[in-house]
Protein backbone atom coordinates (compact mmCIF):
# COMPACT_ATOMS: atom_id res chain seq x y z
CA MET A 1 -69.02 -8.99 -0.84
CA ARG A 2 -71.52 -8.57 2.00
CA PHE A 3 -72.01 -5.25 3.65
CA CYS A 4 -70.66 -6.47 6.77
CA GLU A 5 -67.53 -7.48 4.57
CA LEU A 6 -67.77 -3.77 3.22
CA LYS A 7 -68.12 -1.96 6.59
CA GLU A 8 -64.80 -2.61 7.60
CA LYS A 9 -63.09 -1.51 5.38
CA ASP A 10 -61.30 2.00 5.87
CA VAL A 11 -62.26 5.10 3.46
CA ILE A 12 -59.42 6.69 1.94
CA ASN A 13 -59.41 10.21 -0.29
CA ARG A 14 -57.63 9.86 -3.08
CA CYS A 15 -57.34 13.41 -3.52
CA ASP A 16 -55.55 13.92 -0.37
CA CYS A 17 -54.24 10.74 1.25
CA LYS A 18 -56.60 10.98 4.47
CA LYS A 19 -58.55 8.42 6.17
CA LEU A 20 -62.02 9.42 6.54
CA GLY A 21 -63.10 6.22 8.28
CA GLN A 22 -65.13 3.42 8.11
CA ILE A 23 -68.36 2.92 6.20
CA CYS A 24 -71.23 2.80 8.58
CA ASP A 25 -74.56 2.86 5.99
CA LEU A 26 -75.31 2.87 2.50
CA VAL A 27 -78.30 4.82 0.79
CA ILE A 28 -80.01 2.26 -1.35
CA ASP A 29 -82.24 3.33 -4.42
CA GLU A 30 -85.00 1.51 -3.44
CA CYS A 31 -86.73 1.20 -7.24
CA SER A 32 -83.70 -0.34 -8.73
CA GLY A 33 -82.15 -1.61 -5.54
CA GLN A 34 -78.95 -0.48 -6.59
CA ILE A 35 -76.45 1.49 -3.97
CA CYS A 36 -76.49 5.22 -4.57
CA SER A 37 -73.87 6.28 -1.83
CA ILE A 38 -71.96 5.09 0.95
CA ILE A 39 -72.12 6.96 4.29
CA VAL A 40 -68.98 7.43 6.67
CA PRO A 41 -69.33 9.30 10.05
CA GLY A 42 -67.49 13.06 9.88
CA PRO A 43 -64.59 14.39 12.17
CA PRO A 44 -65.40 13.70 15.75
CA ARG A 45 -66.29 16.68 18.45
CA LEU A 46 -64.70 17.99 21.74
CA CYS A 47 -61.26 15.71 21.04
CA GLY A 48 -63.36 12.34 20.27
CA LEU A 49 -65.71 12.47 23.03
CA LEU A 50 -68.66 13.08 21.48
CA CYS A 51 -70.26 11.43 18.14
CA PRO A 52 -69.42 13.44 15.46
CA ASP A 53 -72.88 15.71 13.86
CA GLN A 54 -71.50 15.39 10.95
CA GLU A 55 -71.09 13.06 7.36
CA TYR A 56 -69.52 11.99 5.11
CA ILE A 57 -72.12 11.18 1.71
CA ILE A 58 -69.81 9.61 -0.39
CA PRO A 59 -71.72 9.31 -4.24
CA TRP A 60 -70.89 5.59 -5.98
CA ASN A 61 -69.55 6.61 -8.47
CA CYS A 62 -66.72 8.03 -6.85
CA ILE A 63 -65.49 4.88 -5.48
CA CYS A 64 -62.26 4.44 -7.53
CA GLN A 65 -61.39 0.80 -5.77
CA ILE A 66 -62.70 -1.43 -3.21
CA GLY A 67 -59.39 -3.30 -1.82
CA PRO A 68 -59.12 -6.04 0.65
CA ASP A 69 -58.43 -3.40 3.23
CA ILE A 70 -59.33 -0.24 2.35
CA VAL A 71 -61.81 1.93 -0.21
CA LEU A 72 -60.55 4.64 -2.23
CA VAL A 73 -62.48 7.23 -3.47
CA GLU A 74 -61.64 10.54 -5.09
CA ILE A 75 -64.09 13.48 -3.18
CA THR A 76 -63.83 16.88 -2.27
CA ALA A 77 -64.59 16.06 1.23
CA GLU A 78 -66.58 20.00 2.08
CA LYS A 79 -68.48 19.00 -1.13
CA VAL A 80 -70.28 15.35 0.68
CA LEU A 81 -69.94 16.50 4.25
CA SER A 82 -73.16 17.16 5.66
CA PRO A 83 -75.67 17.39 8.84
CA ARG A 84 -76.04 14.05 10.50
CA LYS A 85 -79.33 13.11 10.19
CA ILE A 86 -80.93 11.38 12.94
CA TRP A 87 -83.84 8.74 11.84
CA LYS A 88 -86.60 7.99 13.91
């Protein structure tokens, strides 16, 4: 599977059945080349008008299943929600 196919899928939390969003980025281990985690934008600010200032960083081992339309994860959303990093 290619990243362009993966980023079009909705991420659903199996614990509370909530849609977290769509995958926007991956964290890859430089040495092994393996995917460490997926990144999903956090909840929008100000009625959805401003970009989120947080993001979900979901470890790869928390992914339960990758289906044709969705990615099922099993996480506590508060534990993986972190401040968004701006890369320069």
